[in-house]
C-alpha atoms as a PDB file:
ATOM      1  CA  MET A   1      -8.015  30.853 -30.982  1.00  0.00           C
ATOM      2  CA  SER A   2      -8.859  29.243 -34.320  1.00  0.00           C
ATOM      3  CA  GLU A   3     -11.213  26.305 -34.722  1.00  0.00           C
ATOM      4  CA  ARG A   4      -8.258  24.078 -35.645  1.00  0.00           C
ATOM      5  CA  GLN A   5      -6.364  25.110 -32.516  1.00  0.00           C
ATOM      6  CA  LEU A   6      -9.430  24.446 -30.386  1.00  0.00           C
ATOM      7  CA  GLU A   7      -9.756  20.990 -31.869  1.00  0.00           C
ATOM      8  CA  GLN A   8      -6.072  20.260 -31.227  1.00  0.00           C
ATOM      9  CA  LEU A   9      -6.439  21.483 -27.634  1.00  0.00           C
ATOM     10  CA  LYS A  10      -9.450  19.220 -27.158  1.00  0.00           C
ATOM     11  CA  ILE A  11      -7.530  16.204 -28.516  1.00  0.00           C
ATOM     12  CA  MET A  12      -4.550  16.952 -26.248  1.00  0.00           C
ATOM     13  CA  ARG A  13      -6.828  17.404 -23.224  1.00  0.00           C
ATOM     14  CA  ASN A  14      -8.521  14.069 -23.907  1.00  0.00           C
ATOM     15  CA  GLU A  15      -5.155  12.307 -24.267  1.00  0.00           C
ATOM     16  CA  ILE A  16      -3.909  13.721 -20.950  1.00  0.00           C
ATOM     17  CA  THR A  17      -7.195  12.790 -19.248  1.00  0.00           C
ATOM     18  CA  ARG A  18      -7.012   9.247 -20.623  1.00  0.00           C
ATOM     19  CA  PHE A  19      -3.372   8.964 -19.540  1.00  0.00           C
ATOM     20  CA  LEU A  20      -4.107  10.039 -15.953  1.00  0.00           C
ATOM     21  CA  LEU A  21      -7.273   7.925 -15.811  1.00  0.00           C
ATOM     22  CA  SER A  22      -5.210   4.794 -16.449  1.00  0.00           C
ATOM     23  CA  TYR A  23      -3.241   5.540 -13.251  1.00  0.00           C
ATOM     24  CA  LYS A  24      -6.433   6.333 -11.350  1.00  0.00           C
ATOM     25  CA  PHE A  25      -7.934   3.002 -12.468  1.00  0.00           C
ATOM     26  CA  ALA A  26      -4.745   1.188 -11.422  1.00  0.00           C
ATOM     27  CA  LEU A  27      -5.159   2.630  -7.924  1.00  0.00           C
ATOM     28  CA  ASP A  28      -8.829   1.582  -7.945  1.00  0.00           C
ATOM     29  CA  GLU A  29      -7.770  -1.990  -8.772  1.00  0.00           C
ATOM     30  CA  MET A  30      -5.173  -1.987  -6.012  1.00  0.00           C
ATOM     31  CA  GLU A  31      -7.697  -0.699  -3.473  1.00  0.00           C
ATOM     32  CA  THR A  32     -10.126  -3.453  -4.472  1.00  0.00           C
ATOM     33  CA  LYS A  33      -7.410  -6.073  -4.033  1.00  0.00           C
ATOM     34  CA  ILE A  34      -6.498  -4.708  -0.603  1.00  0.00           C
ATOM     35  CA  ASP A  35     -10.173  -4.656   0.476  1.00  0.00           C
ATOM     36  CA  ILE A  36     -10.552  -8.306  -0.585  1.00  0.00           C
ATOM     37  CA  LEU A  37      -7.381  -9.394   1.226  1.00  0.00           C
ATOM     38  CA  LYS A  38      -8.410  -7.461   4.323  1.00  0.00           C
ATOM     39  CA  GLU A  39     -11.926  -8.948   4.454  1.00  0.00           C
ATOM     40  CA  GLU A  40     -10.658 -12.480   3.774  1.00  0.00           C
ATOM     41  CA  PHE A  41      -8.067 -12.195   6.541  1.00  0.00           C
ATOM     42  CA  GLU A  42     -10.572 -10.754   9.015  1.00  0.00           C
ATOM     43  CA  SER A  43     -13.091 -13.521   8.260  1.00  0.00           C
ATOM     44  CA  LEU A  44     -10.599 -16.364   8.654  1.00  0.00           C
ATOM     45  CA  HIS A  45      -8.370 -15.033  11.431  1.00  0.00           C
ATOM     46  CA  ASP A  46     -10.514 -12.478  13.323  1.00  0.00           C
ATOM     47  CA  TYR A  47      -7.719 -10.019  12.638  1.00  0.00           C
ATOM     48  CA  SER A  48      -6.512  -7.776   9.818  1.00  0.00           C
ATOM     49  CA  PRO A  49      -2.871  -6.874   9.182  1.00  0.00           C
ATOM     50  CA  ILE A  50      -4.029  -3.702   7.380  1.00  0.00           C
ATOM     51  CA  GLU A  51      -5.084  -0.657   9.388  1.00  0.00           C
ATOM     52  CA  HIS A  52      -5.880   1.668   6.486  1.00  0.00           C
ATOM     53  CA  THR A  53      -4.777   2.721   3.012  1.00  0.00           C
ATOM     54  CA  LYS A  54      -4.276   6.054   1.304  1.00  0.00           C
ATOM     55  CA  THR A  55      -3.799   6.783  -2.379  1.00  0.00           C
ATOM     56  CA  ARG A  56      -2.641   9.820  -4.321  1.00  0.00           C
ATOM     57  CA  LEU A  57      -2.247  10.807  -7.975  1.00  0.00           C
ATOM     58  CA  LYS A  58       0.465  13.239  -9.052  1.00  0.00           C
ATOM     59  CA  SER A  59      -0.781  16.426 -10.670  1.00  0.00           C
ATOM     60  CA  PRO A  60       0.292  17.270 -14.256  1.00  0.00           C
ATOM     61  CA  GLU A  61       2.413  20.115 -12.816  1.00  0.00           C
ATOM     62  CA  SER A  62       4.223  17.743 -10.467  1.00  0.00           C
ATOM     63  CA  ILE A  63       4.771  15.227 -13.271  1.00  0.00           C
ATOM     64  CA  MET A  64       6.228  17.913 -15.550  1.00  0.00           C
ATOM     65  CA  SER A  65       8.483  19.205 -12.773  1.00  0.00           C
ATOM     66  CA  LYS A  66       9.955  15.740 -12.177  1.00  0.00           C
ATOM     67  CA  LEU A  67      10.326  15.187 -15.922  1.00  0.00           C
ATOM     68  CA  TYR A  68      12.344  18.415 -16.247  1.00  0.00           C
ATOM     69  CA  ARG A  69      14.528  17.554 -13.219  1.00  0.00           C
ATOM     70  CA  LYS A  70      15.415  14.248 -14.821  1.00  0.00           C
ATOM     71  CA  GLY A  71      16.093  15.895 -18.190  1.00  0.00           C
ATOM     72  CA  ALA A  72      13.661  13.654 -20.052  1.00  0.00           C
ATOM     73  CA  ASN A  73      11.733  14.474 -23.211  1.00  0.00           C
ATOM     74  CA  PHE A  74       8.051  15.295 -23.025  1.00  0.00           C
ATOM     75  CA  SER A  75       5.978  12.404 -24.333  1.00  0.00           C
ATOM     76  CA  PHE A  76       3.629   9.940 -22.719  1.00  0.00           C
ATOM     77  CA  GLU A  77       6.135   7.126 -23.253  1.00  0.00           C
ATOM     78  CA  SER A  78       8.890   9.205 -21.674  1.00  0.00           C
ATOM     79  CA  ILE A  79       6.672   9.958 -18.674  1.00  0.00           C
ATOM     80  CA  ARG A  80       5.866   6.251 -18.219  1.00  0.00           C
ATOM     81  CA  GLU A  81       9.550   5.331 -18.313  1.00  0.00           C
ATOM     82  CA  THR A  82      10.830   8.226 -16.197  1.00  0.00           C
ATOM     83  CA  VAL A  83       8.175   8.998 -13.580  1.00  0.00           C
ATOM     84  CA  LYS A  84       7.343   5.773 -11.769  1.00  0.00           C
ATOM     85  CA  ASP A  85       5.431   7.281  -8.834  1.00  0.00           C
ATOM     86  CA  ILE A  86       2.537   8.983 -10.629  1.00  0.00           C
ATOM     87  CA  ALA A  87       0.195   6.630  -8.777  1.00  0.00           C
ATOM     88  CA  GLY A  88       1.015   6.044  -5.131  1.00  0.00           C
ATOM     89  CA  MET A  89      -0.548   3.872  -2.434  1.00  0.00           C
ATOM     90  CA  ARG A  90       0.352   3.829   1.250  1.00  0.00           C
ATOM     91  CA  ILE A  91      -0.657   0.808   3.312  1.00  0.00           C
ATOM     92  CA  THR A  92      -0.448   1.246   7.075  1.00  0.00           C
ATOM     93  CA  CYS A  93      -0.109  -1.941   9.114  1.00  0.00           C
ATOM     94  CA  SER A  94      -0.396  -2.696  12.802  1.00  0.00           C
ATOM     95  CA  PHE A  95       2.853  -4.589  13.335  1.00  0.00           C
ATOM     96  CA  LEU A  96       6.245  -5.104  11.691  1.00  0.00           C
ATOM     97  CA  SER A  97       5.487  -8.675  10.662  1.00  0.00           C
ATOM     98  CA  ASP A  98       2.294  -7.468   8.970  1.00  0.00           C
ATOM     99  CA  ILE A  99       4.341  -5.407   6.514  1.00  0.00           C
ATOM    100  CA  TYR A 100       6.026  -8.463   5.043  1.00  0.00           C
ATOM    101  CA  ARG A 101       2.804 -10.484   5.247  1.00  0.00           C
ATOM    102  CA  VAL A 102       0.981  -7.885   3.122  1.00  0.00           C
ATOM    103  CA  SER A 103       3.931  -7.632   0.737  1.00  0.00           C
ATOM    104  CA  GLU A 104       3.906 -11.402   0.250  1.00  0.00           C
ATOM    105  CA  MET A 105       0.154 -11.428  -0.399  1.00  0.00           C
ATOM    106  CA  LEU A 106       0.553  -8.773  -3.099  1.00  0.00           C
ATOM    107  CA  GLN A 107       3.468 -10.595  -4.708  1.00  0.00           C
ATOM    108  CA  GLN A 108       1.337 -13.729  -4.945  1.00  0.00           C
ATOM    109  CA  GLN A 109      -1.308 -11.953  -7.053  1.00  0.00           C
ATOM    110  CA  SER A 110      -0.866 -13.527 -10.500  1.00  0.00           C
ATOM    111  CA  ASP A 111      -1.959 -10.425 -12.431  1.00  0.00           C
ATOM    112  CA  LEU A 112       0.482  -8.111 -10.640  1.00  0.00           C
ATOM    113  CA  LYS A 113       4.138  -7.817 -11.581  1.00  0.00           C
ATOM    114  CA  VAL A 114       6.572  -6.600  -8.929  1.00  0.00           C
ATOM    115  CA  LEU A 115       9.244  -4.591 -10.727  1.00  0.00           C
ATOM    116  CA  GLU A 116      11.274  -3.454  -7.734  1.00  0.00           C
ATOM    117  CA  ILE A 117      11.475  -3.786  -3.956  1.00  0.00           C
ATOM    118  CA  LYS A 118      13.272  -1.285  -1.720  1.00  0.00           C
ATOM    119  CA  ASP A 119      13.442  -2.335   1.915  1.00  0.00           C
ATOM    120  CA  TYR A 120      14.039   0.801   3.976  1.00  0.00           C
ATOM    121  CA  ILE A 121      13.166  -1.147   7.121  1.00  0.00           C
ATOM    122  CA  LYS A 122      16.194  -3.411   7.014  1.00  0.00           C
ATOM    123  CA  ASN A 123      18.189  -0.598   5.398  1.00  0.00           C
ATOM    124  CA  PRO A 124      16.809   2.713   6.738  1.00  0.00           C
ATOM    125  CA  LYS A 125      17.606   6.028   5.073  1.00  0.00           C
ATOM    126  CA  PRO A 126      20.237   8.163   6.867  1.00  0.00           C
ATOM    127  CA  ASN A 127      17.557  10.381   8.450  1.00  0.00           C
ATOM    128  CA  GLY A 128      15.844   7.338  10.002  1.00  0.00           C
ATOM    129  CA  TYR A 129      13.047   6.871   7.450  1.00  0.00           C
ATOM    130  CA  LYS A 130      11.681   3.325   7.373  1.00  0.00           C
ATOM    131  CA  SER A 131       9.180   1.755   4.994  1.00  0.00           C
ATOM    132  CA  LEU A 132       8.910  -1.070   2.477  1.00  0.00           C
ATOM    133  CA  HIS A 133       8.522   0.184  -1.097  1.00  0.00           C
ATOM    134  CA  LEU A 134       7.169  -1.955  -3.925  1.00  0.00           C
ATOM    135  CA  LEU A 135       6.967  -0.828  -7.553  1.00  0.00           C
ATOM    136  CA  ILE A 136       4.087  -2.831  -9.008  1.00  0.00           C
ATOM    137  CA  GLU A 137       2.876  -3.056 -12.600  1.00  0.00           C
ATOM    138  CA  VAL A 138      -0.917  -3.261 -12.746  1.00  0.00           C
ATOM    139  CA  PRO A 139      -2.865  -4.225 -15.905  1.00  0.00           C
ATOM    140  CA  VAL A 140      -5.664  -1.739 -16.596  1.00  0.00           C
ATOM    141  CA  PHE A 141      -8.325  -2.833 -19.075  1.00  0.00           C
ATOM    142  CA  MET A 142      -9.418   0.217 -21.049  1.00  0.00           C
ATOM    143  CA  SER A 143     -12.144   0.201 -23.721  1.00  0.00           C
ATOM    144  CA  ASP A 144      -9.722  -0.489 -26.586  1.00  0.00           C
ATOM    145  CA  ARG A 145      -6.463  -1.632 -24.979  1.00  0.00           C
ATOM    146  CA  VAL A 146      -4.693  -2.928 -21.899  1.00  0.00           C
ATOM    147  CA  GLU A 147      -2.380  -0.448 -20.191  1.00  0.00           C
ATOM    148  CA  ASN A 148       0.357  -1.754 -17.878  1.00  0.00           C
ATOM    149  CA  VAL A 149       0.566   0.954 -15.239  1.00  0.00           C
ATOM    150  CA  CYS A 150       3.140   1.388 -12.457  1.00  0.00           C
ATOM    151  CA  VAL A 151       1.969   1.967  -8.891  1.00  0.00           C
ATOM    152  CA  GLU A 152       4.372   2.751  -6.069  1.00  0.00           C
ATOM    153  CA  VAL A 153       3.229   0.993  -2.893  1.00  0.00           C
ATOM    154  CA  GLN A 154       4.622   2.017   0.484  1.00  0.00           C
ATOM    155  CA  ILE A 155       3.945  -0.337   3.400  1.00  0.00           C
ATOM    156  CA  ARG A 156       4.721   0.807   6.934  1.00  0.00           C
ATOM    157  CA  THR A 157       3.580   0.521  10.547  1.00  0.00           C
ATOM    158  CA  ILE A 158       1.526   3.140  12.382  1.00  0.00           C
ATOM    159  CA  ALA A 159       4.683   4.308  14.198  1.00  0.00           C
ATOM    160  CA  MET A 160       6.657   4.601  10.934  1.00  0.00           C
ATOM    161  CA  ASP A 161       3.799   6.516   9.325  1.00  0.00           C
ATOM    162  CA  PHE A 162       3.537   8.853  12.323  1.00  0.00           C
ATOM    163  CA  TRP A 163       7.265   9.650  12.142  1.00  0.00           C
ATOM    164  CA  ALA A 164       7.312  10.109   8.344  1.00  0.00           C
ATOM    165  CA  SER A 165       4.207  12.317   8.311  1.00  0.00           C
ATOM    166  CA  LEU A 166       5.540  14.657  10.999  1.00  0.00           C
ATOM    167  CA  GLU A 167       9.028  14.709   9.473  1.00  0.00           C
ATOM    168  CA  HIS A 168       7.449  15.870   6.215  1.00  0.00           C
ATOM    169  CA  LYS A 169       5.445  18.586   7.985  1.00  0.00           C
ATOM    170  CA  ILE A 170       8.483  19.834   9.905  1.00  0.00           C
ATOM    171  CA  PHE A 171      10.710  20.161   6.840  1.00  0.00           C
ATOM    172  CA  TYR A 172       8.076  20.873   4.146  1.00  0.00           C
ATOM    173  CA  LYS A 173       9.472  23.576   1.823  1.00  0.00           C
ATOM    174  CA  TYR A 174      12.511  24.044   4.101  1.00  0.00           C
ATOM    175  CA  ASN A 175      15.228  24.682   1.529  1.00  0.00           C
ATOM    176  CA  GLN A 176      18.137  25.409   3.872  1.00  0.00           C
ATOM    177  CA  SER A 177      20.586  22.907   5.305  1.00  0.00           C
ATOM    178  CA  VAL A 178      19.322  21.290   8.503  1.00  0.00           C
ATOM    179  CA  PRO A 179      21.628  21.648  11.564  1.00  0.00           C
ATOM    180  CA  GLU A 180      23.353  18.408  12.538  1.00  0.00           C
ATOM    181  CA  ARG A 181      21.825  18.524  16.038  1.00  0.00           C
ATOM    182  CA  LEU A 182      18.295  18.488  14.611  1.00  0.00           C
ATOM    183  CA  LEU A 183      19.151  15.677  12.208  1.00  0.00           C
ATOM    184  CA  GLN A 184      20.387  13.585  15.138  1.00  0.00           C
ATOM    185  CA  GLU A 185      17.214  14.311  17.129  1.00  0.00           C
ATOM    186  CA  LEU A 186      15.163  13.263  14.123  1.00  0.00           C
ATOM    187  CA  LYS A 187      17.136  10.024  13.869  1.00  0.00           C
ATOM    188  CA  ASP A 188      16.674   9.434  17.626  1.00  0.00           C
ATOM    189  CA  ALA A 189      12.913   9.863  17.208  1.00  0.00           C
ATOM    190  CA  ALA A 190      12.954   7.264  14.406  1.00  0.00           C
ATOM    191  CA  ASP A 191      14.854   4.865  16.683  1.00  0.00           C
ATOM    192  CA  THR A 192      12.258   5.412  19.426  1.00  0.00           C
ATOM    193  CA  ALA A 193       9.461   4.602  16.969  1.00  0.00           C
ATOM    194  CA  ASP A 194      11.355   1.437  15.978  1.00  0.00           C
ATOM    195  CA  GLU A 195      11.683   0.384  19.632  1.00  0.00           C
ATOM    196  CA  LEU A 196       7.936   0.897  20.060  1.00  0.00           C
ATOM    197  CA  ASP A 197       7.241  -1.274  17.001  1.00  0.00           C
ATOM    198  CA  HIS A 198       9.339  -4.132  18.387  1.00  0.00           C
ATOM    199  CA  GLN A 199       7.780  -3.825  21.852  1.00  0.00           C
ATOM    200  CA  MET A 200       4.222  -3.908  20.478  1.00  0.00           C
ATOM    201  CA  GLU A 201       5.118  -6.883  18.264  1.00  0.00           C
ATOM    202  CA  ARG A 202       6.406  -8.777  21.295  1.00  0.00           C
ATOM    203  CA  LEU A 203       3.268  -7.957  23.308  1.00  0.00           C
ATOM    204  CA  MET A 204       1.034  -9.056  20.443  1.00  0.00           C
ATOM    205  CA  ASN A 205       2.860 -12.388  20.132  1.00  0.00           C
ATOM    206  CA  GLU A 206       2.554 -13.052  23.865  1.00  0.00           C
ATOM    207  CA  VAL A 207      -1.169 -12.246  23.908  1.00  0.00           C
ATOM    208  CA  GLN A 208      -1.746 -14.420  20.816  1.00  0.00           C
ATOM    209  CA  THR A 209      -0.019 -17.338  22.558  1.00  0.00           C
ATOM    210  CA  ILE A 210      -2.230 -16.928  25.643  1.00  0.00           C
ATOM    211  CA  LYS A 211      -5.349 -16.615  23.461  1.00  0.00           C
ATOM    212  CA  HIS A 212      -4.428 -19.747  21.511  1.00  0.00           C
ATOM    213  CA  LEU A 213      -4.045 -21.749  24.720  1.00  0.00           C
ATOM    214  CA  HIS A 214      -7.388 -20.436  25.968  1.00  0.00           C
ATOM    215  CA  ASP A 215      -9.153 -21.337  22.711  1.00  0.00           C
ATOM    216  CA  GLU A 216      -7.797 -24.884  22.879  1.00  0.00           C
ATOM    217  CA  ASN A 217      -9.304 -25.308  26.322  1.00  0.00           C
ATOM    218  CA  SER A 218     -12.683 -23.741  25.554  1.00  0.00           C
ATOM    219  CA  ALA A 219     -15.732 -24.987  23.695  1.00  0.00           C
ATOM    220  CA  GLU A 220     -15.491 -22.659  20.710  1.00  0.00           C
ATOM    221  CA  ASP A 221     -18.510 -22.368  18.397  1.00  0.00           C
ATOM    222  CA  LEU A 222     -17.339 -23.662  15.023  1.00  0.00           C
ATOM    223  CA  THR A 223     -20.777 -24.386  13.600  1.00  0.00           C
ATOM    224  CA  SER A 224     -21.394 -20.908  12.173  1.00  0.00           C
ATOM    225  CA  ILE A 225     -19.594 -18.404   9.981  1.00  0.00           C
ATOM    226  CA  MET A 226     -19.814 -14.635   9.513  1.00  0.00           C
ATOM    227  CA  ILE A 227     -19.875 -13.156   5.987  1.00  0.00           C
ATOM    228  CA  ASN A 228     -20.409  -9.410   5.552  1.00  0.00           C
ATOM    229  CA  ASN A 229     -21.681  -9.144   9.151  1.00  0.00           C
ATOM    230  CA  GLN A 230     -24.292 -11.837   8.452  1.00  0.00           C
ATOM    231  CA  LYS A 231     -24.248 -15.046  10.472  1.00  0.00           C
ATOM    232  CA  PHE A 232     -24.730 -18.367   8.663  1.00  0.00           C
ATOM    233  CA  ASN A 233     -25.292 -21.587  10.612  1.00  0.00           C
ATOM    234  CA  LEU A 234     -23.644 -24.638   9.073  1.00  0.00           C
ATOM    235  CA  PRO A 235     -26.131 -27.501   8.416  1.00  0.00           C
ATOM    236  CA  ARG A 236     -25.482 -30.559  10.532  1.00  0.00           C
ATOM    237  CA  ALA A 237     -25.632 -32.761   7.409  1.00  0.00           C
ATOM    238  CA  LEU A 238     -22.907 -30.696   5.729  1.00  0.00           C
ATOM    239  CA  ILE A 239     -20.643 -30.990   8.775  1.00  0.00           C
ATOM    240  CA  ASP A 240     -21.175 -34.768   8.866  1.00  0.00           C
ATOM    241  CA  VAL A 241     -20.417 -35.157   5.132  1.00  0.00           C
ATOM    242  CA  LEU A 242     -17.247 -33.044   5.321  1.00  0.00           C
ATOM    243  CA  GLY A 243     -16.175 -34.923   8.448  1.00  0.00           C
ATOM    244  CA  LYS A 244     -16.467 -38.264   6.641  1.00  0.00           C
ATOM    245  CA  GLN A 245     -14.306 -36.983   3.769  1.00  0.00           C
ATOM    246  CA  GLU A 246     -11.414 -36.520   6.160  1.00  0.00           C
END
């Protein structure tokens, strides 16, 4: 390989690295936002609607494969316009209502732009798949420019995630047509997971009502706060001043 070819290869490699880094940084920003929302919610409500998150970045081979399937030209601009799920984030929530609560919190972030929402919870896929999908544009501040990068965010409950993960494992690289009987069993399993979600939501609401009534009748300590597992006592003078302002 000539010196000129080596130099061209180096330039191309750097461009691809920079391109993929922008998506990696977008995921980093999203994870930071989720961590902040989670900690704020836990501090104020003693509860977090977010169980855990998982991110993934498509490989160059996977990106090229999708580009070819869609019949698009090979260029970075074409990839940005055609392949919208290069960066993916999955947010797993405890309850159904948490899904829409998290979605609303993300939509209220002024620096994020929601390009598309697909609600597969209210409108499940034929096989029973349920999840809320958001396509979000995230600004990434590079050394010499700002890149607006798309991140696909999937928000689902633990039960939905359990079903989807096992469905993927069962049919991974299965290229033949699936018998109708198995498809129906798969759909029945999704319905069972949905029933579990609604039952757990109802139980949570009932327990929260009982807890709220108990808190109203108990002498709850409101003179201290917890930040990053550190307890801070509120000065009596500060409480008196804030009380007078009301």
